[in-house]
C-alpha atoms as a PDB file:
ATOM      1  CA  MET A   1     -80.077  19.496  29.805  1.00  0.00           C
ATOM      2  CA  ARG A   2     -79.636  22.287  31.844  1.00  0.00           C
ATOM      3  CA  LEU A   3     -81.457  25.376  30.130  1.00  0.00           C
ATOM      4  CA  ALA A   4     -78.849  28.691  30.102  1.00  0.00           C
ATOM      5  CA  GLN A   5     -79.961  31.184  32.851  1.00  0.00           C
ATOM      6  CA  TYR A   6     -80.439  35.028  31.809  1.00  0.00           C
ATOM      7  CA  PRO A   7     -80.882  37.841  34.244  1.00  0.00           C
ATOM      8  CA  LYS A   8     -84.519  39.136  34.928  1.00  0.00           C
ATOM      9  CA  GLY A   9     -85.203  42.817  33.660  1.00  0.00           C
ATOM     10  CA  LEU A  10     -82.823  43.636  31.214  1.00  0.00           C
ATOM     11  CA  LEU A  11     -83.472  46.933  29.659  1.00  0.00           C
ATOM     12  CA  PRO A  12     -82.240  48.817  26.406  1.00  0.00           C
ATOM     13  CA  GLY A  13     -78.428  49.830  27.233  1.00  0.00           C
ATOM     14  CA  ASP A  14     -77.372  47.130  29.537  1.00  0.00           C
ATOM     15  CA  ALA A  15     -74.541  45.563  29.085  1.00  0.00           C
ATOM     16  CA  VAL A  16     -74.620  41.661  29.396  1.00  0.00           C
ATOM     17  CA  ALA A  17     -71.884  39.237  29.410  1.00  0.00           C
ATOM     18  CA  VAL A  18     -71.072  35.379  29.075  1.00  0.00           C
ATOM     19  CA  GLU A  19     -68.344  33.211  29.800  1.00  0.00           C
ATOM     20  CA  VAL A  20     -66.766  31.431  26.749  1.00  0.00           C
ATOM     21  CA  VAL A  21     -64.082  28.677  26.229  1.00  0.00           C
ATOM     22  CA  GLY A  22     -62.278  28.264  23.271  1.00  0.00           C
ATOM     23  CA  GLY A  23     -62.214  30.754  20.307  1.00  0.00           C
ATOM     24  CA  PRO A  24     -59.195  31.834  18.024  1.00  0.00           C
ATOM     25  CA  VAL A  25     -56.575  31.617  21.267  1.00  0.00           C
ATOM     26  CA  ALA A  26     -57.390  27.483  22.202  1.00  0.00           C
ATOM     27  CA  GLN A  27     -58.984  26.985  25.315  1.00  0.00           C
ATOM     28  CA  VAL A  28     -58.814  29.957  26.637  1.00  0.00           C
ATOM     29  CA  LEU A  29     -61.280  31.385  28.746  1.00  0.00           C
ATOM     30  CA  ARG A  30     -62.997  34.790  28.060  1.00  0.00           C
ATOM     31  CA  THR A  31     -66.019  36.933  28.255  1.00  0.00           C
ATOM     32  CA  HIS A  32     -68.354  37.591  25.688  1.00  0.00           C
ATOM     33  CA  PHE A  33     -69.983  41.081  26.029  1.00  0.00           C
ATOM     34  CA  GLY A  34     -73.240  42.587  24.568  1.00  0.00           C
ATOM     35  CA  VAL A  35     -75.307  45.554  24.580  1.00  0.00           C
ATOM     36  CA  VAL A  36     -79.093  44.904  25.076  1.00  0.00           C
ATOM     37  CA  SER A  37     -80.469  46.661  22.489  1.00  0.00           C
ATOM     38  CA  ARG A  38     -84.376  46.444  22.351  1.00  0.00           C
ATOM     39  CA  VAL A  39     -87.042  44.044  24.052  1.00  0.00           C
ATOM     40  CA  ASP A  40     -89.640  43.431  21.891  1.00  0.00           C
ATOM     41  CA  ALA A  41     -93.301  42.827  21.704  1.00  0.00           C
ATOM     42  CA  ARG A  42     -93.102  39.235  22.810  1.00  0.00           C
ATOM     43  CA  GLY A  43     -90.633  40.228  25.470  1.00  0.00           C
ATOM     44  CA  ARG A  44     -87.706  38.859  23.366  1.00  0.00           C
ATOM     45  CA  VAL A  45     -84.228  40.412  24.406  1.00  0.00           C
ATOM     46  CA  TRP A  46     -82.063  41.949  21.734  1.00  0.00           C
ATOM     47  CA  VAL A  47     -78.080  42.092  21.748  1.00  0.00           C
ATOM     48  CA  VAL A  48     -75.724  43.991  19.792  1.00  0.00           C
ATOM     49  CA  SER A  49     -72.272  42.498  19.868  1.00  0.00           C
ATOM     50  CA  SER A  50     -69.328  41.307  17.945  1.00  0.00           C
ATOM     51  CA  SER A  51     -67.724  37.227  18.095  1.00  0.00           C
ATOM     52  CA  ARG A  52     -66.185  35.648  15.690  1.00  0.00           C
ATOM     53  CA  ARG A  53     -69.174  33.079  15.490  1.00  0.00           C
ATOM     54  CA  THR A  54     -70.869  36.176  13.363  1.00  0.00           C
ATOM     55  CA  GLY A  55     -67.607  37.803  12.160  1.00  0.00           C
ATOM     56  CA  ALA A  56     -69.034  40.978  12.674  1.00  0.00           C
ATOM     57  CA  CYS A  57     -70.606  43.562  14.583  1.00  0.00           C
ATOM     58  CA  VAL A  58     -74.440  42.119  14.260  1.00  0.00           C
ATOM     59  CA  GLU A  59     -77.940  42.520  16.608  1.00  0.00           C
ATOM     60  CA  GLU A  60     -79.367  39.028  17.755  1.00  0.00           C
ATOM     61  CA  ARG A  61     -81.392  37.587  20.033  1.00  0.00           C
ATOM     62  CA  LEU A  62     -79.965  36.797  23.610  1.00  0.00           C
ATOM     63  CA  GLY A  63     -80.188  33.404  23.598  1.00  0.00           C
ATOM     64  CA  ASP A  64     -78.575  33.666  20.140  1.00  0.00           C
ATOM     65  CA  PHE A  65     -75.807  35.609  22.093  1.00  0.00           C
ATOM     66  CA  ALA A  66     -75.577  33.684  24.788  1.00  0.00           C
ATOM     67  CA  GLN A  67     -74.948  30.368  22.600  1.00  0.00           C
ATOM     68  CA  GLY A  68     -76.435  28.057  25.941  1.00  0.00           C
ATOM     69  CA  GLY A  69     -74.128  29.941  28.618  1.00  0.00           C
ATOM     70  CA  ASP A  70     -75.585  31.956  31.663  1.00  0.00           C
ATOM     71  CA  VAL A  71     -75.827  35.594  30.954  1.00  0.00           C
ATOM     72  CA  VAL A  72     -75.353  38.006  33.602  1.00  0.00           C
ATOM     73  CA  ARG A  73     -75.381  41.672  33.681  1.00  0.00           C
ATOM     74  CA  ALA A  74     -71.551  43.264  33.101  1.00  0.00           C
ATOM     75  CA  ASP A  75     -70.077  44.883  35.761  1.00  0.00           C
ATOM     76  CA  LEU A  76     -68.893  47.540  33.670  1.00  0.00           C
ATOM     77  CA  PRO A  77     -70.046  51.393  34.612  1.00  0.00           C
ATOM     78  CA  ARG A  78     -72.132  53.473  32.162  1.00  0.00           C
ATOM     79  CA  LEU A  79     -71.014  56.532  31.652  1.00  0.00           C
ATOM     80  CA  ARG A  80     -73.616  57.741  28.478  1.00  0.00           C
ATOM     81  CA  PRO A  81     -77.527  57.345  28.679  1.00  0.00           C
ATOM     82  CA  ALA A  82     -78.948  53.886  28.017  1.00  0.00           C
ATOM     83  CA  ASP A  83     -80.523  55.311  24.613  1.00  0.00           C
ATOM     84  CA  GLU A  84     -77.260  56.985  23.722  1.00  0.00           C
ATOM     85  CA  VAL A  85     -75.308  53.458  24.675  1.00  0.00           C
ATOM     86  CA  VAL A  86     -77.448  51.584  22.289  1.00  0.00           C
ATOM     87  CA  ARG A  87     -77.723  53.923  19.548  1.00  0.00           C
ATOM     88  CA  ARG A  88     -73.272  53.785  19.623  1.00  0.00           C
ATOM     89  CA  ALA A  89     -73.635  50.262  19.457  1.00  0.00           C
ATOM     90  CA  ARG A  90     -75.926  50.471  16.580  1.00  0.00           C
ATOM     91  CA  ALA A  91     -73.518  52.273  15.075  1.00  0.00           C
ATOM     92  CA  LEU A  92     -71.429  49.870  14.620  1.00  0.00           C
ATOM     93  CA  LEU A  93     -73.541  46.756  13.578  1.00  0.00           C
ATOM     94  CA  GLY A  94     -71.468  45.167   9.835  1.00  0.00           C
ATOM     95  CA  ARG A  95     -68.448  46.370  11.018  1.00  0.00           C
ATOM     96  CA  PRO A  96     -66.181  43.274  11.116  1.00  0.00           C
ATOM     97  CA  TRP A  97     -64.718  41.687  14.225  1.00  0.00           C
ATOM     98  CA  ASP A  98     -61.556  41.643  14.906  1.00  0.00           C
ATOM     99  CA  LEU A  99     -59.600  39.417  18.015  1.00  0.00           C
ATOM    100  CA  LEU A 100     -57.213  42.169  18.641  1.00  0.00           C
ATOM    101  CA  GLU A 101     -58.936  45.763  17.492  1.00  0.00           C
ATOM    102  CA  ALA A 102     -62.935  44.916  17.173  1.00  0.00           C
ATOM    103  CA  ASN A 103     -64.300  42.282  19.464  1.00  0.00           C
ATOM    104  CA  GLY A 104     -67.440  42.589  21.431  1.00  0.00           C
ATOM    105  CA  GLU A 105     -65.598  44.282  24.966  1.00  0.00           C
ATOM    106  CA  HIS A 106     -64.396  47.027  22.291  1.00  0.00           C
ATOM    107  CA  VAL A 107     -67.977  47.353  20.955  1.00  0.00           C
ATOM    108  CA  VAL A 108     -69.426  47.300  24.486  1.00  0.00           C
ATOM    109  CA  ARG A 109     -66.784  49.537  26.037  1.00  0.00           C
ATOM    110  CA  HIS A 110     -66.999  52.217  23.597  1.00  0.00           C
ATOM    111  CA  ALA A 111     -70.922  51.981  23.981  1.00  0.00           C
ATOM    112  CA  LEU A 112     -70.981  52.703  27.620  1.00  0.00           C
ATOM    113  CA  GLY A 113     -68.448  55.867  26.991  1.00  0.00           C
ATOM    114  CA  LEU A 114     -65.504  53.860  28.329  1.00  0.00           C
ATOM    115  CA  GLY A 115     -63.211  54.013  25.111  1.00  0.00           C
ATOM    116  CA  TRP A 116     -62.107  51.937  22.543  1.00  0.00           C
ATOM    117  CA  ARG A 117     -60.249  48.988  24.398  1.00  0.00           C
ATOM    118  CA  SER A 118     -60.649  45.286  25.476  1.00  0.00           C
ATOM    119  CA  LEU A 119     -58.798  44.532  29.022  1.00  0.00           C
ATOM    120  CA  GLN A 120     -58.807  41.104  28.131  1.00  0.00           C
ATOM    121  CA  VAL A 121     -56.832  41.901  24.999  1.00  0.00           C
ATOM    122  CA  GLU A 122     -54.781  43.622  27.249  1.00  0.00           C
ATOM    123  CA  ARG A 123     -53.873  41.012  29.769  1.00  0.00           C
ATOM    124  CA  LEU A 124     -53.292  38.954  26.619  1.00  0.00           C
ATOM    125  CA  GLY A 125     -50.551  41.244  25.300  1.00  0.00           C
ATOM    126  CA  GLY A 126     -49.086  41.291  28.629  1.00  0.00           C
ATOM    127  CA  ARG A 127     -49.316  37.393  28.999  1.00  0.00           C
ATOM    128  CA  LEU A 128     -47.276  37.190  25.500  1.00  0.00           C
ATOM    129  CA  ALA A 129     -44.746  39.917  25.954  1.00  0.00           C
ATOM    130  CA  HIS A 130     -43.708  37.506  29.037  1.00  0.00           C
ATOM    131  CA  GLY A 131     -43.215  34.648  27.110  1.00  0.00           C
ATOM    132  CA  ALA A 132     -46.772  33.115  26.627  1.00  0.00           C
ATOM    133  CA  ARG A 133     -46.984  31.121  22.714  1.00  0.00           C
ATOM    134  CA  PRO A 134     -50.334  31.774  21.557  1.00  0.00           C
ATOM    135  CA  VAL A 135     -52.213  28.771  20.025  1.00  0.00           C
ATOM    136  CA  VAL A 136     -54.169  29.730  17.196  1.00  0.00           C
ATOM    137  CA  ALA A 137     -57.256  27.076  16.689  1.00  0.00           C
ATOM    138  CA  PRO A 138     -59.143  27.073  13.265  1.00  0.00           C
ATOM    139  CA  GLY A 139     -62.147  25.288  13.511  1.00  0.00           C
ATOM    140  CA  PRO A 140     -65.794  25.571  15.062  1.00  0.00           C
ATOM    141  CA  ALA A 141     -66.987  28.493  16.929  1.00  0.00           C
ATOM    142  CA  PRO A 142     -66.251  28.553  20.822  1.00  0.00           C
ATOM    143  CA  THR A 143     -68.705  26.951  23.305  1.00  0.00           C
ATOM    144  CA  THR A 144     -69.599  28.321  26.376  1.00  0.00           C
ATOM    145  CA  ARG A 145     -69.913  27.350  30.094  1.00  0.00           C
ATOM    146  CA  PRO A 146     -71.884  29.628  32.817  1.00  0.00           C
ATOM    147  CA  MET A 147     -70.515  32.100  34.454  1.00  0.00           C
ATOM    148  CA  ALA A 148     -69.725  31.825  38.107  1.00  0.00           C
ATOM    149  CA  ARG A 149     -71.946  33.866  40.465  1.00  0.00           C
ATOM    150  CA  ARG A 150     -70.095  36.379  42.217  1.00  0.00           C
ATOM    151  CA  ARG A 151     -70.896  36.653  45.907  1.00  0.00           C
ATOM    152  CA  GLY A 152     -71.177  39.930  48.250  1.00  0.00           C
END
């Protein structure tokens, strides 16, 4: 059994990501985003995110967020100070998850000061506009897989 990998030195306000296969649109590779909200006295990292699995915006431990996948720092600019990023993310706790209107990417981009949007949803919308049919898959929560490492 392979152990999941996590970046060292994560701090509150950092955006993190893990690739996920599956979900409400069957067999789609997508990125699940979160914001590091705190590192507790035991060194455990906590993340604010929103997903189908949780059904709402929640604060959970990094391992629960990752669900066995490899976590990386998300390649997103932070336009707000770290404490404000955390405050903005936590202000959304309890907000119901919605794939198209309130998913994890929406939460993270908003917290970072990048606006309320999801580029993944926008790309999906473009594919649908060009004739692709979504396949909605009821059933268990998605599974994770390691993210490809970026070179450079």
